[in-house]
Amino acid sequence: MSLFRRALVIGLLAVSVNIANSQAEKALPGDDEINLVLDQTERAMQQYRPLIDEEEVQMGKSDLDAVAKDRETVTSLEMAIQAFRKDPQGFNGPKGFVFFQWLDNASRNSLLCANYASARITVETVNRDTARAHSLLHLAQGCSDVSTLIYTVSENVGALYARYVRAENQALIQGARADSMLAQ
């Protein structure tokens, strides 16, 4: 291959790599999109936190480990929100996947809270403790509602993270093509 031809191929590869990188950057979730899911997560945690307090009161000492895990998940999400507020693009990496997992945990945990409270309603009704049954009904409804909310937020986060993964995959494919063209 002549020197001119080689320089032309290298120039074309550089242009195609720059175009691929530009397309990948456009496909990556932007700061505004990331901040939106952070806002959504923050609102969901504001609704979930008082339910955890109520869950602790209703459950008593019977299952403090579950309540502790719920609090730990909420605290982790709140710390992640603070970190992503400082650097939203930190979401576009492994930390974004961990954030998604924490949301999934919070959704599942709040649904478990709803199931526990629902099961206890029957027991309290049989014991004729209508005040406690009513409190448990309130807890069950609240936990079920917040579980749905958190699940919806996690779907949004999952969609953004999937975009990140697709963009990274496209960049890798473009890089591999460029490498193979250079090798020729």
Protein backbone atom coordinates (compact mmCIF):
# COMPACT_ATOMS: atom_id res chain seq x y z
CA MET A 1 0.00 0.00 0.00
CA SER A 2 1.41 3.38 -0.97
CA LEU A 3 2.17 6.04 1.62
CA PHE A 4 -0.61 8.25 0.28
CA ARG A 5 -3.13 5.44 0.46
CA ARG A 6 -2.05 4.53 3.98
CA ALA A 7 -2.41 8.17 5.11
CA LEU A 8 -5.85 8.32 3.48
CA VAL A 9 -7.00 5.15 5.28
CA ILE A 10 -5.68 6.46 8.62
CA GLY A 11 -7.43 9.79 8.02
CA LEU A 12 -10.73 8.09 7.17
CA LEU A 13 -10.42 5.87 10.24
CA ALA A 14 -9.82 8.89 12.46
CA VAL A 15 -12.91 10.59 11.03
CA SER A 16 -15.04 7.45 11.45
CA VAL A 17 -13.84 6.96 15.04
CA ASN A 18 -14.67 10.60 15.81
CA ILE A 19 -18.13 10.16 14.28
CA ALA A 20 -18.69 6.94 16.25
CA ASN A 21 -17.60 8.64 19.47
CA SER A 22 -19.88 11.57 18.73
CA GLN A 23 -22.82 9.23 18.10
CA ALA A 24 -22.07 7.31 21.30
CA GLU A 25 -21.99 10.56 23.29
CA LYS A 26 -25.40 11.51 21.87
CA ALA A 27 -26.78 8.08 22.73
CA LEU A 28 -25.51 8.22 26.31
CA PRO A 29 -28.02 9.46 28.88
CA GLY A 30 -27.50 13.18 29.36
CA ASP A 31 -27.28 15.14 32.59
CA ASP A 32 -30.89 16.36 32.29
CA GLU A 33 -32.23 12.82 31.92
CA ILE A 34 -30.12 11.55 34.79
CA ASN A 35 -31.17 14.44 37.02
CA LEU A 36 -34.81 13.69 36.22
CA VAL A 37 -34.54 10.10 37.48
CA LEU A 38 -32.64 11.38 40.51
CA ASP A 39 -35.56 13.73 41.25
CA GLN A 40 -37.99 10.84 40.83
CA THR A 41 -35.92 8.63 43.13
CA GLU A 42 -35.68 11.37 45.73
CA ARG A 43 -39.47 11.82 45.78
CA ALA A 44 -40.01 8.08 46.09
CA MET A 45 -37.58 7.85 49.00
CA GLN A 46 -39.36 10.77 50.73
CA GLN A 47 -42.54 8.68 50.59
CA TYR A 48 -40.84 5.43 51.55
CA ARG A 49 -38.85 6.62 54.59
CA PRO A 50 -41.90 7.32 56.86
CA LEU A 51 -43.39 3.97 55.86
CA ILE A 52 -40.25 2.24 57.11
CA ASP A 53 -40.75 4.01 60.45
CA GLU A 54 -44.35 2.83 60.52
CA GLU A 55 -43.27 -0.67 59.50
CA GLU A 56 -40.85 -0.76 62.44
CA VAL A 57 -43.63 0.22 64.85
CA GLN A 58 -46.05 -2.34 63.43
CA MET A 59 -43.55 -5.17 63.26
CA GLY A 60 -42.01 -4.50 66.63
CA LYS A 61 -38.97 -6.60 67.41
CA SER A 62 -40.19 -9.51 65.30
CA ASP A 63 -38.28 -8.51 62.18
CA LEU A 64 -35.84 -5.69 62.87
CA ASP A 65 -33.42 -7.11 60.28
CA ALA A 66 -35.90 -6.41 57.48
CA VAL A 67 -36.40 -2.83 58.67
CA ALA A 68 -32.63 -2.35 58.94
CA LYS A 69 -32.18 -3.57 55.35
CA ASP A 70 -34.92 -1.20 54.18
CA ARG A 71 -33.17 1.73 55.90
CA GLU A 72 -29.81 0.68 54.46
CA THR A 73 -31.22 0.59 50.94
CA VAL A 74 -32.80 4.04 51.30
CA THR A 75 -29.57 5.45 52.75
CA SER A 76 -27.56 3.95 49.89
CA LEU A 77 -29.93 5.46 47.33
CA GLU A 78 -29.77 8.87 49.01
CA MET A 79 -25.95 8.77 49.02
CA ALA A 80 -25.95 7.78 45.34
CA ILE A 81 -28.30 10.67 44.54
CA GLN A 82 -25.89 13.10 46.21
CA ALA A 83 -22.93 11.65 44.31
CA PHE A 84 -24.73 11.72 40.95
CA ARG A 85 -25.87 15.31 41.57
CA LYS A 86 -22.18 16.27 41.68
CA ASP A 87 -21.28 14.13 38.65
CA PRO A 88 -24.34 12.97 36.68
CA GLN A 89 -22.17 11.18 34.12
CA GLY A 90 -21.02 8.85 36.89
CA PHE A 91 -24.34 7.12 36.21
CA ASN A 92 -22.96 5.99 32.85
CA GLY A 93 -20.87 3.16 34.25
CA PRO A 94 -20.99 0.42 36.86
CA LYS A 95 -22.37 2.81 39.51
CA GLY A 96 -25.50 3.28 37.40
CA PHE A 97 -26.14 -0.45 37.51
CA VAL A 98 -25.71 -0.55 41.29
CA PHE A 99 -28.17 2.35 41.55
CA PHE A 100 -30.66 0.35 39.46
CA GLN A 101 -30.17 -2.68 41.75
CA TRP A 102 -30.81 -0.59 44.87
CA LEU A 103 -34.06 0.68 43.35
CA ASP A 104 -35.06 -2.89 42.58
CA ASN A 105 -34.29 -3.84 46.21
CA ALA A 106 -36.35 -0.92 47.53
CA SER A 107 -39.30 -1.88 45.33
CA ARG A 108 -39.15 -5.50 46.47
CA ASN A 109 -38.68 -4.56 50.14
CA SER A 110 -41.65 -2.20 50.12
CA LEU A 111 -43.79 -4.91 48.51
CA LEU A 112 -42.70 -7.33 51.24
CA CYS A 113 -43.80 -4.71 53.78
CA ALA A 114 -47.22 -4.56 52.09
CA ASN A 115 -47.49 -8.36 52.13
CA TYR A 116 -46.52 -8.57 55.80
CA ALA A 117 -49.03 -5.91 56.80
CA SER A 118 -51.78 -7.56 54.73
CA ALA A 119 -51.16 -10.92 56.38
CA ARG A 120 -51.30 -9.34 59.84
CA ILE A 121 -54.66 -7.63 59.11
CA THR A 122 -56.45 -10.98 59.21
CA VAL A 123 -54.84 -11.92 62.52
CA GLU A 124 -55.78 -8.60 64.11
CA THR A 125 -59.32 -8.83 62.75
CA VAL A 126 -59.72 -12.29 64.28
CA ASN A 127 -58.37 -10.85 67.56
CA ARG A 128 -60.96 -8.05 67.23
CA ASP A 129 -58.29 -5.36 67.32
CA THR A 130 -59.83 -3.13 64.67
CA ALA A 131 -57.58 -0.16 65.46
CA ARG A 132 -54.46 -2.23 64.80
CA ALA A 133 -56.06 -3.81 61.73
CA HIS A 134 -56.80 -0.31 60.42
CA SER A 135 -53.18 0.77 61.05
CA LEU A 136 -51.94 -2.31 59.22
CA LEU A 137 -54.29 -1.59 56.32
CA HIS A 138 -52.83 1.92 56.07
CA LEU A 139 -49.31 0.48 56.10
CA ALA A 140 -50.17 -2.17 53.49
CA GLN A 141 -51.68 0.41 51.14
CA GLY A 142 -48.79 2.83 51.63
CA CYS A 143 -46.12 0.18 51.07
CA SER A 144 -47.93 -1.16 48.02
CA ASP A 145 -48.24 2.33 46.53
CA VAL A 146 -44.61 3.22 47.16
CA SER A 147 -43.51 -0.13 45.73
CA THR A 148 -45.32 0.71 42.50
CA LEU A 149 -43.76 4.16 42.45
CA ILE A 150 -40.25 2.85 43.04
CA TYR A 151 -40.77 0.14 40.42
CA THR A 152 -41.79 2.81 37.89
CA VAL A 153 -38.69 4.87 38.73
CA SER A 154 -36.52 1.75 38.39
CA GLU A 155 -37.98 1.14 34.92
CA ASN A 156 -36.91 4.67 33.92
CA VAL A 157 -33.44 4.12 35.39
CA GLY A 158 -33.23 0.73 33.66
CA ALA A 159 -34.11 2.29 30.31
CA LEU A 160 -31.41 4.94 30.73
CA TYR A 161 -28.87 2.34 31.76
CA ALA A 162 -29.78 0.16 28.76
CA ARG A 163 -29.07 3.19 26.53
CA TYR A 164 -25.68 3.56 28.15
CA VAL A 165 -24.89 -0.13 27.53
CA ARG A 166 -26.00 0.10 23.87
CA ALA A 167 -23.89 3.22 23.31
CA GLU A 168 -20.85 1.56 24.87
CA ASN A 169 -21.41 -1.53 22.73
CA GLN A 170 -21.64 0.58 19.57
CA ALA A 171 -18.41 2.38 20.46
CA LEU A 172 -16.65 -0.97 20.97
CA ILE A 173 -17.92 -2.28 17.64
CA GLN A 174 -16.75 0.88 15.84
CA GLY A 175 -13.38 0.62 17.56
CA ALA A 176 -13.01 -3.00 16.51
CA ARG A 177 -13.87 -2.12 12.91
CA ALA A 178 -11.30 0.66 12.94
CA ASP A 179 -8.68 -1.71 14.33
CA SER A 180 -9.39 -4.29 11.66
CA MET A 181 -9.16 -1.66 8.91
CA LEU A 182 -5.76 -0.55 10.25
CA ALA A 183 -4.56 -4.14 10.29
CA GLN A 184 -5.28 -4.50 6.59
